[in-house]
């Protein structure tokens, strides 16, 4: 190697005199590196460091200064990653605190179901019976590491008051729903140190109405109440299964037989507009006919199921009406948490 040969701008004293290198290094550091430059102070004050940096950029930039600035840039990605990780943990902890939950309570609640169907029976326009949906929640395995449990509670979400039990006396809460809806409920527990833990659950309650009318030539209109008993979406659908029976009127020794009838089913929405209508169906004496329909896009209010009956001969012909109507919601209920019995070891 020829030691007397030198690259342009290079001098034996190790100092570069290339103008483009001096100008590039004379530019100030980007603003996002400024905090690192301040932290890089090694004994002198900030003003001294700034003066040295400025002086080295005006004329000659020594290798020590270049190395110093390069090293100051390296920790930036590491710092940003650390800040992002800390922020994510802070968000998780904040969400849990906002929900009002406390980890000292070991919350264990068993329940076999989170949905059901109310059954109502109406005969000749009179209610005969109505059976609600009974749900049971078993809190008896819930404990607290900070003290004794004092209260178990259930918030139904149907506008009723919160149901509370003394934890020392009863570990189960039973509630009966008598109205349909998709309810936002809550189960919770409180210990003697006022620590509280709760969980939100969704309860789906549909309703089935069995409606009948005997020996009528002009069937009554069946009202279907679709307004839910909660602040929630309207039902997903109305399911209709209807049968009209034309009882036999003729028989041995009778001069005349019964008449045929023509039947039309019609469903009106909450504004009394026709939502759907069946084709006319002819039913002979002693026969029956059925109509099944699932109606979607339900708005809250009173829907109506009408039946038109027209006799084919003179006079009126009496029929029997049997409706089974179900008001059904989207199946968005919470998953049940039944108690499981461990299998015996072999």
C-alpha atoms as a PDB file:
ATOM      1  CA  UNK A   1       0.000   0.000   0.000  1.00  0.00           C
ATOM      2  CA  UNK A   2       1.338   3.408  -0.861  1.00  0.00           C
ATOM      3  CA  UNK A   3       1.331   5.398   2.353  1.00  0.00           C
ATOM      4  CA  UNK A   4       2.006   8.576   0.434  1.00  0.00           C
ATOM      5  CA  UNK A   5      -1.245   8.184  -1.492  1.00  0.00           C
ATOM      6  CA  UNK A   6      -4.181  10.003   0.076  1.00  0.00           C
ATOM      7  CA  UNK A   7      -7.846  10.067  -0.796  1.00  0.00           C
ATOM      8  CA  UNK A   8      -9.204  13.499  -1.768  1.00  0.00           C
ATOM      9  CA  UNK A   9     -10.047  15.558   1.301  1.00  0.00           C
ATOM     10  CA  UNK A  10      -8.182  13.275   3.720  1.00  0.00           C
ATOM     11  CA  UNK A  11      -5.235  14.535   5.771  1.00  0.00           C
ATOM     12  CA  UNK A  12      -2.707  12.653   7.929  1.00  0.00           C
ATOM     13  CA  UNK A  13      -4.049  14.215  11.111  1.00  0.00           C
ATOM     14  CA  UNK A  14      -7.294  12.196  10.674  1.00  0.00           C
ATOM     15  CA  UNK A  15      -9.453  15.220   9.867  1.00  0.00           C
ATOM     16  CA  UNK A  16     -11.724  15.262   6.839  1.00  0.00           C
ATOM     17  CA  UNK A  17     -11.949  18.431   4.833  1.00  0.00           C
ATOM     18  CA  UNK A  18     -14.649  17.299   2.388  1.00  0.00           C
ATOM     19  CA  UNK A  19     -17.161  20.167   2.133  1.00  0.00           C
ATOM     20  CA  UNK A  20     -20.199  17.901   1.600  1.00  0.00           C
ATOM     21  CA  UNK A  21     -19.446  15.902   4.755  1.00  0.00           C
ATOM     22  CA  UNK A  22     -19.019  19.056   6.832  1.00  0.00           C
ATOM     23  CA  UNK A  23     -22.309  20.493   5.588  1.00  0.00           C
ATOM     24  CA  UNK A  24     -24.224  17.264   6.251  1.00  0.00           C
ATOM     25  CA  UNK A  25     -22.928  17.016   9.777  1.00  0.00           C
ATOM     26  CA  UNK A  26     -23.559  20.686  10.408  1.00  0.00           C
ATOM     27  CA  UNK A  27     -27.314  20.157  10.092  1.00  0.00           C
ATOM     28  CA  UNK A  28     -29.139  19.974  13.437  1.00  0.00           C
ATOM     29  CA  UNK A  29     -30.291  16.610  14.738  1.00  0.00           C
ATOM     30  CA  UNK A  30     -33.953  15.696  14.070  1.00  0.00           C
ATOM     31  CA  UNK A  31     -36.382  16.845  16.746  1.00  0.00           C
ATOM     32  CA  UNK A  32     -37.237  13.313  17.856  1.00  0.00           C
ATOM     33  CA  UNK A  33     -33.592  12.726  18.829  1.00  0.00           C
ATOM     34  CA  UNK A  34     -33.416  15.852  20.972  1.00  0.00           C
ATOM     35  CA  UNK A  35     -34.328  14.093  24.273  1.00  0.00           C
ATOM     36  CA  UNK A  36     -31.593  11.549  23.732  1.00  0.00           C
ATOM     37  CA  UNK A  37     -29.067  14.320  23.058  1.00  0.00           C
ATOM     38  CA  UNK A  38     -29.953  15.927  26.409  1.00  0.00           C
ATOM     39  CA  UNK A  39     -29.654  12.628  28.229  1.00  0.00           C
ATOM     40  CA  UNK A  40     -26.278  12.061  26.616  1.00  0.00           C
ATOM     41  CA  UNK A  41     -24.615  14.841  28.689  1.00  0.00           C
ATOM     42  CA  UNK A  42     -21.387  13.408  30.176  1.00  0.00           C
ATOM     43  CA  UNK A  43     -20.247  15.805  32.806  1.00  0.00           C
ATOM     44  CA  UNK A  44     -20.671  19.213  31.204  1.00  0.00           C
ATOM     45  CA  UNK A  45     -23.843  21.269  31.182  1.00  0.00           C
ATOM     46  CA  UNK A  46     -26.296  21.351  28.310  1.00  0.00           C
ATOM     47  CA  UNK A  47     -25.022  24.687  27.053  1.00  0.00           C
ATOM     48  CA  UNK A  48     -21.447  23.364  26.794  1.00  0.00           C
ATOM     49  CA  UNK A  49     -22.587  20.334  24.816  1.00  0.00           C
ATOM     50  CA  UNK A  50     -24.530  22.474  22.397  1.00  0.00           C
ATOM     51  CA  UNK A  51     -21.553  24.793  21.908  1.00  0.00           C
ATOM     52  CA  UNK A  52     -19.244  21.882  21.152  1.00  0.00           C
ATOM     53  CA  UNK A  53     -21.649  20.399  18.640  1.00  0.00           C
ATOM     54  CA  UNK A  54     -22.056  23.731  16.887  1.00  0.00           C
ATOM     55  CA  UNK A  55     -18.335  24.396  16.780  1.00  0.00           C
ATOM     56  CA  UNK A  56     -17.510  20.984  15.336  1.00  0.00           C
ATOM     57  CA  UNK A  57     -20.077  21.508  12.531  1.00  0.00           C
ATOM     58  CA  UNK A  58     -18.749  24.891  11.350  1.00  0.00           C
ATOM     59  CA  UNK A  59     -15.274  23.906  10.330  1.00  0.00           C
ATOM     60  CA  UNK A  60     -13.946  20.476  11.176  1.00  0.00           C
ATOM     61  CA  UNK A  61     -15.948  17.441  12.339  1.00  0.00           C
ATOM     62  CA  UNK A  62     -13.829  14.999  14.303  1.00  0.00           C
ATOM     63  CA  UNK A  63     -14.536  11.290  14.299  1.00  0.00           C
ATOM     64  CA  UNK A  64     -15.350  11.326  18.017  1.00  0.00           C
ATOM     65  CA  UNK A  65     -18.303  13.681  17.441  1.00  0.00           C
ATOM     66  CA  UNK A  66     -19.698  11.555  14.601  1.00  0.00           C
ATOM     67  CA  UNK A  67     -19.495   8.398  16.718  1.00  0.00           C
ATOM     68  CA  UNK A  68     -21.190  10.158  19.615  1.00  0.00           C
ATOM     69  CA  UNK A  69     -24.193  11.226  17.513  1.00  0.00           C
ATOM     70  CA  UNK A  70     -24.539   7.788  15.933  1.00  0.00           C
ATOM     71  CA  UNK A  71     -24.618   6.111  19.327  1.00  0.00           C
ATOM     72  CA  UNK A  72     -27.262   8.580  20.546  1.00  0.00           C
ATOM     73  CA  UNK A  73     -29.642   7.412  17.817  1.00  0.00           C
ATOM     74  CA  UNK A  74     -29.576   3.707  18.666  1.00  0.00           C
ATOM     75  CA  UNK A  75     -31.828   3.523  21.810  1.00  0.00           C
ATOM     76  CA  UNK A  76     -34.824   5.232  20.111  1.00  0.00           C
ATOM     77  CA  UNK A  77     -36.593   2.039  18.822  1.00  0.00           C
ATOM     78  CA  UNK A  78     -36.071   0.297  22.148  1.00  0.00           C
ATOM     79  CA  UNK A  79     -37.589   3.223  24.025  1.00  0.00           C
ATOM     80  CA  UNK A  80     -40.621   3.369  21.730  1.00  0.00           C
ATOM     81  CA  UNK A  81     -41.277  -0.385  22.154  1.00  0.00           C
ATOM     82  CA  UNK A  82     -41.073  -0.049  25.926  1.00  0.00           C
ATOM     83  CA  UNK A  83     -43.561   2.829  25.900  1.00  0.00           C
ATOM     84  CA  UNK A  84     -46.015   0.853  23.733  1.00  0.00           C
ATOM     85  CA  UNK A  85     -45.826  -2.201  26.002  1.00  0.00           C
ATOM     86  CA  UNK A  86     -46.410  -0.081  29.112  1.00  0.00           C
ATOM     87  CA  UNK A  87     -49.364   1.655  27.488  1.00  0.00           C
ATOM     88  CA  UNK A  88     -50.978  -1.660  26.546  1.00  0.00           C
ATOM     89  CA  UNK A  89     -50.694  -2.980  30.096  1.00  0.00           C
ATOM     90  CA  UNK A  90     -52.097   0.269  31.478  1.00  0.00           C
ATOM     91  CA  UNK A  91     -55.115  -0.033  29.164  1.00  0.00           C
ATOM     92  CA  UNK A  92     -55.859  -3.591  30.266  1.00  0.00           C
ATOM     93  CA  UNK A  93     -55.685  -2.706  33.916  1.00  0.00           C
ATOM     94  CA  UNK A  94     -57.832   0.364  33.369  1.00  0.00           C
ATOM     95  CA  UNK A  95     -60.589  -1.635  31.654  1.00  0.00           C
ATOM     96  CA  UNK A  96     -60.800  -4.082  34.539  1.00  0.00           C
ATOM     97  CA  UNK A  97     -61.019  -1.296  37.094  1.00  0.00           C
ATOM     98  CA  UNK A  98     -63.762   0.437  35.097  1.00  0.00           C
ATOM     99  CA  UNK A  99     -65.934  -2.687  35.222  1.00  0.00           C
ATOM    100  CA  UNK A 100     -65.890  -2.558  39.026  1.00  0.00           C
ATOM    101  CA  UNK A 101     -64.351  -5.981  39.480  1.00  0.00           C
ATOM    102  CA  UNK A 102     -62.107  -7.014  42.347  1.00  0.00           C
ATOM    103  CA  UNK A 103     -59.789 -10.005  42.149  1.00  0.00           C
ATOM    104  CA  UNK A 104     -59.919 -10.884  45.877  1.00  0.00           C
ATOM    105  CA  UNK A 105     -63.294 -12.566  45.229  1.00  0.00           C
ATOM    106  CA  UNK A 106     -63.144 -16.015  43.655  1.00  0.00           C
ATOM    107  CA  UNK A 107     -66.379 -15.718  41.696  1.00  0.00           C
ATOM    108  CA  UNK A 108     -67.899 -19.122  40.886  1.00  0.00           C
ATOM    109  CA  UNK A 109     -71.576 -19.208  39.824  1.00  0.00           C
ATOM    110  CA  UNK A 110     -73.360 -22.140  38.210  1.00  0.00           C
ATOM    111  CA  UNK A 111     -76.491 -21.830  36.038  1.00  0.00           C
ATOM    112  CA  UNK A 112     -77.982 -24.400  33.701  1.00  0.00           C
ATOM    113  CA  UNK A 113     -79.608 -22.093  31.178  1.00  0.00           C
ATOM    114  CA  UNK A 114     -79.764 -18.480  30.005  1.00  0.00           C
ATOM    115  CA  UNK A 115     -82.872 -18.710  27.817  1.00  0.00           C
ATOM    116  CA  UNK A 116     -86.450 -19.941  27.862  1.00  0.00           C
ATOM    117  CA  UNK A 117     -89.957 -19.586  26.484  1.00  0.00           C
ATOM    118  CA  UNK A 118     -92.962 -18.102  28.276  1.00  0.00           C
ATOM    119  CA  UNK A 119     -96.078 -20.132  27.538  1.00  0.00           C
ATOM    120  CA  UNK A 120     -99.506 -18.463  27.484  1.00  0.00           C
ATOM    121  CA  UNK A 121    -102.831 -20.191  26.760  1.00  0.00           C
ATOM    122  CA  UNK A 122    -105.812 -18.147  25.529  1.00  0.00           C
ATOM    123  CA  UNK A 123    -109.175 -19.783  24.848  1.00  0.00           C
ATOM    124  CA  UNK A 124    -112.208 -17.968  23.411  1.00  0.00           C
ATOM    125  CA  UNK A 125    -110.398 -14.686  24.011  1.00  0.00           C
ATOM    126  CA  UNK A 126    -109.806 -15.443  27.718  1.00  0.00           C
ATOM    127  CA  UNK A 127    -106.406 -16.141  29.239  1.00  0.00           C
ATOM    128  CA  UNK A 128    -106.379 -19.620  30.765  1.00  0.00           C
ATOM    129  CA  UNK A 129    -102.803 -19.816  31.998  1.00  0.00           C
ATOM    130  CA  UNK A 130     -99.326 -18.319  31.702  1.00  0.00           C
ATOM    131  CA  UNK A 131     -96.057 -19.957  32.706  1.00  0.00           C
ATOM    132  CA  UNK A 132     -92.913 -17.856  33.107  1.00  0.00           C
ATOM    133  CA  UNK A 133     -89.263 -18.823  32.710  1.00  0.00           C
ATOM    134  CA  UNK A 134     -87.507 -19.649  35.982  1.00  0.00           C
ATOM    135  CA  UNK A 135     -83.718 -19.271  36.175  1.00  0.00           C
ATOM    136  CA  UNK A 136     -81.538 -20.341  39.110  1.00  0.00           C
ATOM    137  CA  UNK A 137     -78.026 -19.128  39.947  1.00  0.00           C
ATOM    138  CA  UNK A 138     -75.882 -21.031  42.468  1.00  0.00           C
ATOM    139  CA  UNK A 139     -73.352 -18.769  44.237  1.00  0.00           C
ATOM    140  CA  UNK A 140     -72.425 -21.220  47.004  1.00  0.00           C
ATOM    141  CA  UNK A 141     -68.903 -21.791  45.653  1.00  0.00           C
ATOM    142  CA  UNK A 142     -68.017 -18.079  45.602  1.00  0.00           C
ATOM    143  CA  UNK A 143     -65.367 -17.118  48.203  1.00  0.00           C
ATOM    144  CA  UNK A 144     -63.263 -14.092  49.174  1.00  0.00           C
ATOM    145  CA  UNK A 145     -59.632 -14.086  50.293  1.00  0.00           C
ATOM    146  CA  UNK A 146     -60.238 -10.813  52.162  1.00  0.00           C
ATOM    147  CA  UNK A 147     -63.139 -11.895  54.362  1.00  0.00           C
ATOM    148  CA  UNK A 148     -66.567 -13.527  54.436  1.00  0.00           C
ATOM    149  CA  UNK A 149     -69.170 -13.223  51.701  1.00  0.00           C
ATOM    150  CA  UNK A 150     -72.188 -11.203  52.805  1.00  0.00           C
ATOM    151  CA  UNK A 151     -74.358 -10.612  49.684  1.00  0.00           C
ATOM    152  CA  UNK A 152     -75.154 -12.380  46.442  1.00  0.00           C
ATOM    153  CA  UNK A 153     -77.305 -10.498  43.933  1.00  0.00           C
ATOM    154  CA  UNK A 154     -79.013 -10.725  40.540  1.00  0.00           C
ATOM    155  CA  UNK A 155     -80.124  -7.790  38.345  1.00  0.00           C
ATOM    156  CA  UNK A 156     -82.761  -9.151  35.884  1.00  0.00           C
ATOM    157  CA  UNK A 157     -82.627  -6.300  33.358  1.00  0.00           C
ATOM    158  CA  UNK A 158     -86.430  -6.227  32.924  1.00  0.00           C
ATOM    159  CA  UNK A 159     -86.989  -3.173  35.098  1.00  0.00           C
ATOM    160  CA  UNK A 160     -87.497  -5.183  38.298  1.00  0.00           C
ATOM    161  CA  UNK A 161     -85.530  -4.466  41.447  1.00  0.00           C
ATOM    162  CA  UNK A 162     -82.262  -6.223  42.189  1.00  0.00           C
ATOM    163  CA  UNK A 163     -82.693  -9.585  43.922  1.00  0.00           C
ATOM    164  CA  UNK A 164     -80.376  -9.996  46.942  1.00  0.00           C
ATOM    165  CA  UNK A 165     -79.610 -12.955  49.193  1.00  0.00           C
ATOM    166  CA  UNK A 166     -77.797 -13.114  52.511  1.00  0.00           C
ATOM    167  CA  UNK A 167     -74.737 -15.178  51.618  1.00  0.00           C
ATOM    168  CA  UNK A 168     -74.662 -16.853  55.039  1.00  0.00           C
ATOM    169  CA  UNK A 169     -78.243 -18.103  54.663  1.00  0.00           C
ATOM    170  CA  UNK A 170     -78.790 -18.931  50.994  1.00  0.00           C
ATOM    171  CA  UNK A 171     -76.330 -19.447  48.151  1.00  0.00           C
ATOM    172  CA  UNK A 172     -78.973 -19.656  45.408  1.00  0.00           C
ATOM    173  CA  UNK A 173     -81.028 -16.981  43.663  1.00  0.00           C
ATOM    174  CA  UNK A 174     -84.100 -17.894  41.594  1.00  0.00           C
ATOM    175  CA  UNK A 175     -85.869 -15.431  39.329  1.00  0.00           C
ATOM    176  CA  UNK A 176     -88.912 -15.884  37.057  1.00  0.00           C
ATOM    177  CA  UNK A 177     -89.337 -13.892  33.838  1.00  0.00           C
ATOM    178  CA  UNK A 178     -92.921 -13.161  32.803  1.00  0.00           C
ATOM    179  CA  UNK A 179     -92.175 -10.893  29.832  1.00  0.00           C
ATOM    180  CA  UNK A 180     -90.226 -11.478  26.641  1.00  0.00           C
ATOM    181  CA  UNK A 181     -87.009  -9.721  25.608  1.00  0.00           C
ATOM    182  CA  UNK A 182     -83.238  -9.963  25.252  1.00  0.00           C
ATOM    183  CA  UNK A 183     -82.234  -8.824  28.726  1.00  0.00           C
ATOM    184  CA  UNK A 184     -78.884  -7.384  29.874  1.00  0.00           C
ATOM    185  CA  UNK A 185     -78.625  -8.915  33.346  1.00  0.00           C
ATOM    186  CA  UNK A 186     -75.859  -9.087  35.969  1.00  0.00           C
ATOM    187  CA  UNK A 187     -74.762 -11.472  38.724  1.00  0.00           C
ATOM    188  CA  UNK A 188     -72.531 -10.279  41.546  1.00  0.00           C
ATOM    189  CA  UNK A 189     -71.174 -10.771  45.054  1.00  0.00           C
ATOM    190  CA  UNK A 190     -69.977  -8.554  47.943  1.00  0.00           C
ATOM    191  CA  UNK A 191     -67.804  -9.530  50.917  1.00  0.00           C
ATOM    192  CA  UNK A 192     -67.647  -8.039  54.425  1.00  0.00           C
ATOM    193  CA  UNK A 193     -64.838  -5.678  53.349  1.00  0.00           C
ATOM    194  CA  UNK A 194     -67.070  -4.139  50.658  1.00  0.00           C
ATOM    195  CA  UNK A 195     -65.120  -5.831  47.879  1.00  0.00           C
ATOM    196  CA  UNK A 196     -67.443  -6.466  44.960  1.00  0.00           C
ATOM    197  CA  UNK A 197     -67.272  -8.570  41.807  1.00  0.00           C
ATOM    198  CA  UNK A 198     -69.892  -8.856  39.087  1.00  0.00           C
ATOM    199  CA  UNK A 199     -70.371 -10.250  35.594  1.00  0.00           C
ATOM    200  CA  UNK A 200     -72.777  -9.160  32.854  1.00  0.00           C
ATOM    201  CA  UNK A 201     -74.839 -11.854  31.151  1.00  0.00           C
ATOM    202  CA  UNK A 202     -77.504 -11.804  28.433  1.00  0.00           C
ATOM    203  CA  UNK A 203     -80.821 -13.596  28.965  1.00  0.00           C
ATOM    204  CA  UNK A 204     -83.099 -14.468  26.018  1.00  0.00           C
ATOM    205  CA  UNK A 205     -86.792 -14.941  26.766  1.00  0.00           C
ATOM    206  CA  UNK A 206     -89.151 -15.821  23.900  1.00  0.00           C
ATOM    207  CA  UNK A 207     -92.925 -16.159  24.196  1.00  0.00           C
ATOM    208  CA  UNK A 208     -95.316 -18.739  22.776  1.00  0.00           C
ATOM    209  CA  UNK A 209     -99.072 -18.127  22.710  1.00  0.00           C
ATOM    210  CA  UNK A 210    -101.550 -20.945  22.153  1.00  0.00           C
ATOM    211  CA  UNK A 211    -104.777 -19.272  21.035  1.00  0.00           C
ATOM    212  CA  UNK A 212    -108.019 -21.088  20.243  1.00  0.00           C
ATOM    213  CA  UNK A 213    -111.648 -20.317  19.470  1.00  0.00           C
ATOM    214  CA  UNK A 214    -114.452 -22.856  19.095  1.00  0.00           C
ATOM    215  CA  UNK A 215    -117.576 -22.879  16.897  1.00  0.00           C
ATOM    216  CA  UNK A 216    -117.358 -19.476  15.323  1.00  0.00           C
ATOM    217  CA  UNK A 217    -118.335 -18.152  11.919  1.00  0.00           C
ATOM    218  CA  UNK A 218    -116.456 -14.870  12.496  1.00  0.00           C
ATOM    219  CA  UNK A 219    -113.144 -15.585  14.275  1.00  0.00           C
ATOM    220  CA  UNK A 220    -111.796 -12.901  16.585  1.00  0.00           C
ATOM    221  CA  UNK A 221    -108.587 -11.048  15.782  1.00  0.00           C
ATOM    222  CA  UNK A 222    -105.544 -12.258  17.720  1.00  0.00           C
ATOM    223  CA  UNK A 223    -103.330  -9.425  19.040  1.00  0.00           C
ATOM    224  CA  UNK A 224     -99.582 -10.079  19.144  1.00  0.00           C
ATOM    225  CA  UNK A 225     -97.586  -7.723  21.378  1.00  0.00           C
ATOM    226  CA  UNK A 226     -94.023  -7.492  20.047  1.00  0.00           C
ATOM    227  CA  UNK A 227     -92.649  -4.703  22.268  1.00  0.00           C
ATOM    228  CA  UNK A 228     -89.852  -6.145  24.431  1.00  0.00           C
ATOM    229  CA  UNK A 229     -89.789  -5.494  28.172  1.00  0.00           C
ATOM    230  CA  UNK A 230     -86.265  -4.088  28.028  1.00  0.00           C
ATOM    231  CA  UNK A 231     -84.081  -1.534  26.283  1.00  0.00           C
ATOM    232  CA  UNK A 232     -83.107  -3.912  23.505  1.00  0.00           C
ATOM    233  CA  UNK A 233     -83.785  -4.805  19.899  1.00  0.00           C
ATOM    234  CA  UNK A 234     -87.226  -5.916  18.764  1.00  0.00           C
ATOM    235  CA  UNK A 235     -87.879  -9.638  18.234  1.00  0.00           C
ATOM    236  CA  UNK A 236     -86.214 -11.252  15.263  1.00  0.00           C
ATOM    237  CA  UNK A 237     -89.382 -12.929  14.009  1.00  0.00           C
ATOM    238  CA  UNK A 238     -92.986 -13.975  14.583  1.00  0.00           C
ATOM    239  CA  UNK A 239     -93.613 -17.671  13.921  1.00  0.00           C
ATOM    240  CA  UNK A 240     -97.189 -18.614  13.023  1.00  0.00           C
ATOM    241  CA  UNK A 241     -98.629 -22.126  12.905  1.00  0.00           C
ATOM    242  CA  UNK A 242    -102.410 -21.933  12.441  1.00  0.00           C
ATOM    243  CA  UNK A 243    -105.062 -24.579  11.752  1.00  0.00           C
ATOM    244  CA  UNK A 244    -108.724 -24.010  10.834  1.00  0.00           C
ATOM    245  CA  UNK A 245    -111.053 -26.987  11.267  1.00  0.00           C
ATOM    246  CA  UNK A 246    -114.454 -27.257   9.613  1.00  0.00           C
ATOM    247  CA  UNK A 247    -116.323 -29.674  11.928  1.00  0.00           C
ATOM    248  CA  UNK A 248    -118.648 -32.208  10.228  1.00  0.00           C
ATOM    249  CA  UNK A 249    -122.256 -31.061  10.310  1.00  0.00           C
ATOM    250  CA  UNK A 250    -123.872 -33.892   8.348  1.00  0.00           C
ATOM    251  CA  UNK A 251    -124.313 -37.484   9.381  1.00  0.00           C
ATOM    252  CA  UNK A 252    -126.606 -40.525   9.300  1.00  0.00           C
ATOM    253  CA  UNK A 253    -130.271 -39.534   9.392  1.00  0.00           C
ATOM    254  CA  UNK A 254    -129.570 -35.875   8.558  1.00  0.00           C
ATOM    255  CA  UNK A 255    -131.047 -34.585   5.259  1.00  0.00           C
ATOM    256  CA  UNK A 256    -128.252 -32.185   4.501  1.00  0.00           C
ATOM    257  CA  UNK A 257    -124.503 -32.302   4.974  1.00  0.00           C
ATOM    258  CA  UNK A 258    -122.238 -29.496   6.075  1.00  0.00           C
ATOM    259  CA  UNK A 259    -120.838 -26.786   3.825  1.00  0.00           C
ATOM    260  CA  UNK A 260    -117.375 -26.049   2.575  1.00  0.00           C
ATOM    261  CA  UNK A 261    -115.711 -22.808   3.658  1.00  0.00           C
ATOM    262  CA  UNK A 262    -113.024 -20.607   2.132  1.00  0.00           C
ATOM    263  CA  UNK A 263    -110.408 -19.307   4.590  1.00  0.00           C
ATOM    264  CA  UNK A 264    -107.801 -16.533   4.251  1.00  0.00           C
ATOM    265  CA  UNK A 265    -105.117 -15.733   6.842  1.00  0.00           C
ATOM    266  CA  UNK A 266    -103.845 -12.148   7.119  1.00  0.00           C
ATOM    267  CA  UNK A 267    -101.076 -10.630   9.282  1.00  0.00           C
ATOM    268  CA  UNK A 268    -101.109  -6.884   9.970  1.00  0.00           C
ATOM    269  CA  UNK A 269     -98.098  -4.996  11.333  1.00  0.00           C
ATOM    270  CA  UNK A 270     -98.082  -2.403  14.124  1.00  0.00           C
ATOM    271  CA  UNK A 271     -99.404   0.272  11.746  1.00  0.00           C
ATOM    272  CA  UNK A 272    -102.273  -1.994  10.561  1.00  0.00           C
ATOM    273  CA  UNK A 273    -100.683  -2.400   7.163  1.00  0.00           C
ATOM    274  CA  UNK A 274    -100.810  -5.881   5.633  1.00  0.00           C
ATOM    275  CA  UNK A 275     -97.472  -7.599   6.253  1.00  0.00           C
ATOM    276  CA  UNK A 276     -98.483 -10.833   4.551  1.00  0.00           C
ATOM    277  CA  UNK A 277    -101.576 -12.714   3.453  1.00  0.00           C
ATOM    278  CA  UNK A 278    -102.262 -16.329   2.488  1.00  0.00           C
ATOM    279  CA  UNK A 279    -103.939 -17.526  -0.652  1.00  0.00           C
ATOM    280  CA  UNK A 280    -107.614 -18.493  -0.144  1.00  0.00           C
ATOM    281  CA  UNK A 281    -107.947 -22.065   1.104  1.00  0.00           C
ATOM    282  CA  UNK A 282    -111.082 -24.176   0.658  1.00  0.00           C
ATOM    283  CA  UNK A 283    -111.936 -26.527   3.514  1.00  0.00           C
ATOM    284  CA  UNK A 284    -114.577 -29.188   3.027  1.00  0.00           C
ATOM    285  CA  UNK A 285    -117.002 -30.351   5.699  1.00  0.00           C
ATOM    286  CA  UNK A 286    -115.101 -32.352   8.311  1.00  0.00           C
ATOM    287  CA  UNK A 287    -111.700 -31.238   7.008  1.00  0.00           C
ATOM    288  CA  UNK A 288    -109.029 -28.783   8.115  1.00  0.00           C
ATOM    289  CA  UNK A 289    -106.276 -26.611   6.615  1.00  0.00           C
ATOM    290  CA  UNK A 290    -103.102 -25.111   8.028  1.00  0.00           C
ATOM    291  CA  UNK A 291    -100.971 -22.045   7.373  1.00  0.00           C
ATOM    292  CA  UNK A 292     -97.383 -21.672   8.539  1.00  0.00           C
ATOM    293  CA  UNK A 293     -95.435 -18.443   8.211  1.00  0.00           C
ATOM    294  CA  UNK A 294     -92.281 -16.855   9.676  1.00  0.00           C
ATOM    295  CA  UNK A 295     -92.427 -13.069   9.649  1.00  0.00           C
ATOM    296  CA  UNK A 296     -89.128 -11.136   9.902  1.00  0.00           C
ATOM    297  CA  UNK A 297     -88.364  -7.409  10.207  1.00  0.00           C
ATOM    298  CA  UNK A 298     -90.499  -6.912  13.285  1.00  0.00           C
ATOM    299  CA  UNK A 299     -91.110  -3.460  14.687  1.00  0.00           C
ATOM    300  CA  UNK A 300     -92.336  -3.003  18.278  1.00  0.00           C
ATOM    301  CA  UNK A 301     -96.079  -2.643  18.732  1.00  0.00           C
ATOM    302  CA  UNK A 302     -99.280  -4.635  18.358  1.00  0.00           C
ATOM    303  CA  UNK A 303     -99.470  -6.968  15.372  1.00  0.00           C
ATOM    304  CA  UNK A 304    -102.757  -8.635  14.390  1.00  0.00           C
ATOM    305  CA  UNK A 305    -103.610 -12.045  12.989  1.00  0.00           C
ATOM    306  CA  UNK A 306    -106.958 -12.066  11.183  1.00  0.00           C
ATOM    307  CA  UNK A 307    -109.013 -14.917   9.696  1.00  0.00           C
ATOM    308  CA  UNK A 308    -111.646 -14.447   6.993  1.00  0.00           C
ATOM    309  CA  UNK A 309    -114.175 -17.306   6.718  1.00  0.00           C
ATOM    310  CA  UNK A 310    -116.749 -17.494   3.896  1.00  0.00           C
ATOM    311  CA  UNK A 311    -119.303 -20.312   3.602  1.00  0.00           C
ATOM    312  CA  UNK A 312    -119.865 -21.759   0.156  1.00  0.00           C
ATOM    313  CA  UNK A 313    -123.638 -22.253   0.578  1.00  0.00           C
ATOM    314  CA  UNK A 314    -126.456 -20.459   2.314  1.00  0.00           C
ATOM    315  CA  UNK A 315    -125.936 -19.181   5.831  1.00  0.00           C
ATOM    316  CA  UNK A 316    -122.830 -19.357   8.001  1.00  0.00           C
ATOM    317  CA  UNK A 317    -120.584 -22.308   8.721  1.00  0.00           C
ATOM    318  CA  UNK A 318    -118.895 -22.518  12.095  1.00  0.00           C
ATOM    319  CA  UNK A 319    -115.227 -23.418  12.372  1.00  0.00           C
ATOM    320  CA  UNK A 320    -112.630 -24.020  15.086  1.00  0.00           C
ATOM    321  CA  UNK A 321    -109.482 -21.866  15.166  1.00  0.00           C
ATOM    322  CA  UNK A 322    -106.149 -22.960  16.662  1.00  0.00           C
ATOM    323  CA  UNK A 323    -103.153 -20.568  16.541  1.00  0.00           C
ATOM    324  CA  UNK A 324     -99.673 -21.182  17.894  1.00  0.00           C
ATOM    325  CA  UNK A 325     -97.689 -17.957  17.695  1.00  0.00           C
ATOM    326  CA  UNK A 326     -94.088 -17.565  18.903  1.00  0.00           C
ATOM    327  CA  UNK A 327     -92.326 -14.251  19.445  1.00  0.00           C
ATOM    328  CA  UNK A 328     -88.645 -15.120  18.994  1.00  0.00           C
ATOM    329  CA  UNK A 329     -85.408 -13.163  19.487  1.00  0.00           C
ATOM    330  CA  UNK A 330     -81.935 -13.559  18.027  1.00  0.00           C
ATOM    331  CA  UNK A 331     -80.091 -16.313  19.911  1.00  0.00           C
ATOM    332  CA  UNK A 332     -77.529 -13.953  21.486  1.00  0.00           C
ATOM    333  CA  UNK A 333     -77.854 -15.223  25.053  1.00  0.00           C
ATOM    334  CA  UNK A 334     -74.787 -15.940  27.191  1.00  0.00           C
ATOM    335  CA  UNK A 335     -73.383 -19.448  27.319  1.00  0.00           C
ATOM    336  CA  UNK A 336     -74.723 -21.378  30.365  1.00  0.00           C
ATOM    337  CA  UNK A 337     -72.339 -22.492  33.105  1.00  0.00           C
ATOM    338  CA  UNK A 338     -73.753 -25.741  34.496  1.00  0.00           C
ATOM    339  CA  UNK A 339     -72.109 -27.624  37.329  1.00  0.00           C
ATOM    340  CA  UNK A 340     -70.378 -30.700  35.991  1.00  0.00           C
ATOM    341  CA  UNK A 341     -69.909 -33.890  37.962  1.00  0.00           C
ATOM    342  CA  UNK A 342     -66.368 -35.224  37.667  1.00  0.00           C
ATOM    343  CA  UNK A 343     -66.164 -38.720  36.233  1.00  0.00           C
ATOM    344  CA  UNK A 344     -64.974 -41.351  38.711  1.00  0.00           C
ATOM    345  CA  UNK A 345     -61.427 -42.500  38.249  1.00  0.00           C
ATOM    346  CA  UNK A 346     -60.966 -46.047  37.117  1.00  0.00           C
END
